[in-house]
Amino acid sequence: MEWSITDVQGLAVVDRELGPHRFHPAEYELVRRVIYATGDFDYGAVLGFAEGAMLAGAAALAARTAIVVDVPMVMTGILPAVQARFFNPVFCAAAVPPQNQDPRRPIAQGIAALANQYPEGIFVIGQSITALNVLIELIEAEEIQPALVIAAAAGFMDVDVAKERLQDSMIANIRVSGRKGGVGAAVTLLNGLVDLAAVAYPAP
């Protein structure tokens, strides 16, 4: 990401006001970016990282692993950064044509279809709790083993349970606990990870 003077000054305010924290340096870089993007310091408390998630995500990006997102807004938000660095293919669950014989909602059908096609992909869920629940069910059934799951969907119904189930899984994940989240947080997390991965895996 290209940083302006205003960005640098804003991030300095985040650093100063957030103060001491529990995050490793690479994790904190994502935390401060989300706080700066949203203006919400609560993300310093609700963002969680599974052990090894940052390393796993960076390695998967460098390996050109497919990225699966839930909604077009997430896809639009991450495509420029991904295409500028690693050229990972990006697929959107909402764009998968639904099957009439499948009683599930289209977003559920789409995430299931793409998960079965890319079982070791990077999954970024920024809006749909339905997509997150389907993804977790497939993980718990050991049908897929994603390289990384970014779970940032906001909501009020069962979202806490879904994110706790993801936390309890053995899958590398970055999650926004509780009701908070949204497309902006999801996009910021993935784009920040792309920037960090580009440092760890520079172009030849």
Protein backbone atom coordinates (compact mmCIF):
# COMPACT_ATOMS: atom_id res chain seq x y z
CA MET A 1 0.00 0.00 0.00
CA GLU A 2 1.16 3.52 -0.79
CA TRP A 3 1.15 5.58 2.40
CA SER A 4 0.55 9.34 2.40
CA ILE A 5 1.74 11.74 5.08
CA THR A 6 -1.82 11.76 6.43
CA ASP A 7 -1.79 7.96 6.66
CA VAL A 8 1.49 7.96 8.55
CA GLN A 9 0.23 10.59 10.95
CA GLY A 10 -3.02 8.70 11.47
CA LEU A 11 -1.21 5.45 12.21
CA ALA A 12 0.98 7.29 14.69
CA VAL A 13 -2.18 8.42 16.49
CA VAL A 14 -3.36 4.80 16.59
CA ASP A 15 -0.03 3.69 18.06
CA ARG A 16 -0.11 6.40 20.69
CA GLU A 17 -3.72 5.96 21.75
CA LEU A 18 -3.76 2.17 21.70
CA GLY A 19 -0.63 1.95 23.82
CA PRO A 20 0.69 -1.40 25.11
CA HIS A 21 -0.80 -4.44 23.40
CA ARG A 22 -0.67 -8.23 23.30
CA PHE A 23 0.13 -8.74 19.63
CA HIS A 24 3.26 -9.92 17.87
CA PRO A 25 4.72 -7.25 15.54
CA ALA A 26 3.24 -8.66 12.32
CA GLU A 27 -0.15 -9.13 13.96
CA TYR A 28 -0.06 -5.61 15.33
CA GLU A 29 0.56 -4.23 11.85
CA LEU A 30 -2.81 -5.64 10.79
CA VAL A 31 -4.52 -4.50 13.98
CA ARG A 32 -3.35 -0.90 13.60
CA ARG A 33 -4.43 -0.86 9.96
CA VAL A 34 -7.94 -2.06 10.81
CA ILE A 35 -8.25 0.52 13.59
CA TYR A 36 -7.04 3.24 11.23
CA ALA A 37 -9.43 2.11 8.47
CA THR A 38 -12.47 1.91 10.76
CA GLY A 39 -11.72 4.48 13.44
CA ASP A 40 -12.70 1.83 15.98
CA PHE A 41 -10.25 1.06 18.76
CA ASP A 42 -12.36 -1.91 19.87
CA TYR A 43 -10.52 -3.91 17.21
CA GLY A 44 -7.54 -3.90 19.54
CA ALA A 45 -9.58 -6.18 21.79
CA VAL A 46 -11.63 -8.25 19.35
CA LEU A 47 -9.08 -9.20 16.69
CA GLY A 48 -7.65 -12.66 17.25
CA PHE A 49 -4.92 -14.64 15.50
CA ALA A 50 -4.50 -18.41 15.64
CA GLU A 51 -0.93 -19.46 16.30
CA GLY A 52 1.01 -19.48 13.05
CA ALA A 53 -1.82 -17.86 11.08
CA MET A 54 0.32 -15.00 9.77
CA LEU A 55 3.08 -17.29 8.55
CA ALA A 56 0.60 -19.72 7.00
CA GLY A 57 -1.26 -16.94 5.23
CA ALA A 58 1.88 -15.32 3.87
CA ALA A 59 3.20 -18.64 2.58
CA ALA A 60 -0.13 -19.42 0.92
CA LEU A 61 -0.18 -16.05 -0.81
CA ALA A 62 3.36 -16.54 -2.07
CA ALA A 63 2.40 -20.00 -3.35
CA ARG A 64 -0.37 -18.40 -5.47
CA THR A 65 -3.05 -20.24 -3.49
CA ALA A 66 -6.60 -19.51 -4.65
CA ILE A 67 -8.51 -16.93 -2.62
CA VAL A 68 -12.25 -17.45 -2.05
CA VAL A 69 -14.42 -14.56 -0.83
CA ASP A 70 -18.07 -14.39 0.10
CA VAL A 71 -19.30 -11.20 -1.59
CA PRO A 72 -18.29 -8.97 -4.52
CA MET A 73 -17.35 -6.03 -2.28
CA VAL A 74 -14.58 -8.08 -0.71
CA MET A 75 -13.38 -9.23 -4.12
CA THR A 76 -13.29 -5.65 -5.42
CA GLY A 77 -11.40 -4.49 -2.34
CA ILE A 78 -8.62 -7.08 -2.48
CA LEU A 79 -8.06 -7.54 -6.21
CA PRO A 80 -5.73 -4.57 -6.79
CA ALA A 81 -3.33 -5.56 -3.99
CA VAL A 82 -3.38 -9.25 -4.87
CA GLN A 83 -2.85 -8.66 -8.58
CA ALA A 84 -0.03 -6.20 -7.91
CA ARG A 85 1.93 -8.68 -5.79
CA PHE A 86 1.15 -12.39 -6.13
CA PHE A 87 -1.52 -12.83 -8.85
CA ASN A 88 -3.52 -15.34 -6.82
CA PRO A 89 -6.78 -16.34 -8.51
CA VAL A 90 -9.75 -14.86 -6.65
CA PHE A 91 -13.25 -16.37 -6.68
CA CYS A 92 -16.51 -15.06 -5.22
CA ALA A 93 -19.15 -17.33 -3.70
CA ALA A 94 -21.96 -14.92 -4.57
CA ALA A 95 -21.04 -15.21 -8.26
CA VAL A 96 -21.50 -18.99 -8.42
CA PRO A 97 -24.75 -19.85 -10.26
CA PRO A 98 -27.17 -21.53 -7.82
CA GLN A 99 -28.47 -25.03 -8.42
CA ASN A 100 -32.26 -25.34 -8.36
CA GLN A 101 -32.17 -28.76 -6.70
CA ASP A 102 -30.09 -27.44 -3.81
CA PRO A 103 -32.34 -26.07 -1.02
CA ARG A 104 -29.58 -23.96 0.50
CA ARG A 105 -29.32 -20.22 -0.06
CA PRO A 106 -27.21 -19.21 -3.09
CA ILE A 107 -24.33 -17.88 -0.96
CA ALA A 108 -24.19 -21.20 0.90
CA GLN A 109 -24.18 -23.12 -2.36
CA GLY A 110 -21.44 -20.90 -3.73
CA ILE A 111 -19.10 -21.16 -0.77
CA ALA A 112 -19.60 -24.93 -0.59
CA ALA A 113 -18.88 -25.35 -4.31
CA LEU A 114 -15.74 -23.23 -4.19
CA ALA A 115 -14.55 -24.85 -0.96
CA ASN A 116 -14.86 -28.28 -2.54
CA GLN A 117 -12.97 -27.02 -5.60
CA TYR A 118 -10.26 -25.25 -3.57
CA PRO A 119 -10.17 -27.14 -0.24
CA GLU A 120 -6.78 -25.70 0.71
CA GLY A 121 -7.55 -22.15 -0.35
CA ILE A 122 -7.50 -18.84 1.49
CA PHE A 123 -11.03 -17.89 2.55
CA VAL A 124 -12.06 -14.30 3.31
CA ILE A 125 -15.53 -13.86 4.82
CA GLY A 126 -16.47 -10.22 5.19
CA GLN A 127 -20.26 -10.17 5.26
CA SER A 128 -22.10 -13.49 5.13
CA ILE A 129 -22.57 -15.43 8.37
CA THR A 130 -24.23 -18.12 6.25
CA ALA A 131 -21.04 -18.53 4.23
CA LEU A 132 -18.96 -18.66 7.41
CA ASN A 133 -21.18 -21.33 8.94
CA VAL A 134 -21.00 -23.48 5.81
CA LEU A 135 -17.24 -23.12 5.74
CA ILE A 136 -16.91 -24.14 9.40
CA GLU A 137 -19.17 -27.15 8.87
CA LEU A 138 -16.92 -28.34 6.04
CA ILE A 139 -13.84 -27.81 8.21
CA GLU A 140 -15.35 -29.72 11.13
CA ALA A 141 -16.34 -32.55 8.79
CA GLU A 142 -12.68 -32.62 7.63
CA GLU A 143 -13.80 -32.17 4.04
CA ILE A 144 -11.54 -29.15 3.55
CA GLN A 145 -8.38 -27.79 5.17
CA PRO A 146 -7.97 -24.14 4.26
CA ALA A 147 -4.55 -22.53 4.35
CA LEU A 148 -6.13 -19.54 6.12
CA VAL A 149 -9.59 -18.27 7.06
CA ILE A 150 -10.20 -14.57 7.65
CA ALA A 151 -13.53 -14.38 9.49
CA ALA A 152 -14.69 -10.78 9.73
CA ALA A 153 -18.43 -11.00 9.14
CA ALA A 154 -20.51 -8.82 11.47
CA GLY A 155 -23.87 -9.85 12.83
CA PHE A 156 -26.18 -10.43 15.77
CA MET A 157 -27.52 -13.97 15.29
CA ASP A 158 -25.15 -16.86 16.11
CA VAL A 159 -22.08 -14.96 14.90
CA ASP A 160 -20.34 -15.43 18.26
CA VAL A 161 -20.84 -19.19 18.09
CA ALA A 162 -19.54 -19.43 14.53
CA LYS A 163 -16.37 -17.52 15.34
CA GLU A 164 -15.79 -19.55 18.51
CA ARG A 165 -16.07 -22.76 16.48
CA LEU A 166 -13.48 -21.42 14.08
CA GLN A 167 -11.23 -20.49 16.99
CA ASP A 168 -11.50 -24.06 18.32
CA SER A 169 -10.56 -25.59 14.96
CA MET A 170 -7.00 -26.46 14.01
CA ILE A 171 -7.20 -24.18 10.97
CA ALA A 172 -5.02 -21.07 10.68
CA ASN A 173 -7.38 -18.13 11.11
CA ILE A 174 -7.66 -14.41 11.71
CA ARG A 175 -10.99 -13.51 13.25
CA VAL A 176 -12.99 -10.58 14.56
CA SER A 177 -14.62 -11.90 17.72
CA GLY A 178 -18.15 -10.96 18.70
CA ARG A 179 -20.57 -8.92 16.63
CA LYS A 180 -18.10 -6.52 15.03
CA GLY A 181 -16.58 -6.83 11.59
CA GLY A 182 -17.61 -6.17 8.03
CA VAL A 183 -16.25 -5.90 4.52
CA GLY A 184 -13.87 -3.06 5.36
CA ALA A 185 -12.18 -5.04 8.13
CA ALA A 186 -11.91 -8.15 5.95
CA VAL A 187 -10.38 -6.22 3.04
CA THR A 188 -7.93 -4.40 5.31
CA LEU A 189 -6.79 -7.66 6.91
CA LEU A 190 -6.14 -9.43 3.61
CA ASN A 191 -4.47 -6.42 1.99
CA GLY A 192 -2.27 -5.91 5.03
CA LEU A 193 -1.26 -9.55 4.91
CA VAL A 194 -0.41 -9.16 1.21
CA ASP A 195 1.91 -6.25 2.04
CA LEU A 196 3.66 -8.25 4.80
CA ALA A 197 3.93 -11.33 2.60
CA ALA A 198 5.54 -9.23 -0.15
CA VAL A 199 8.31 -8.32 2.28
CA ALA A 200 8.81 -11.92 3.36
CA TYR A 201 8.61 -13.25 -0.20
CA PRO A 202 10.01 -10.50 -2.47
CA ALA A 203 9.67 -10.84 -6.22
CA PRO A 204 12.77 -12.34 -7.87
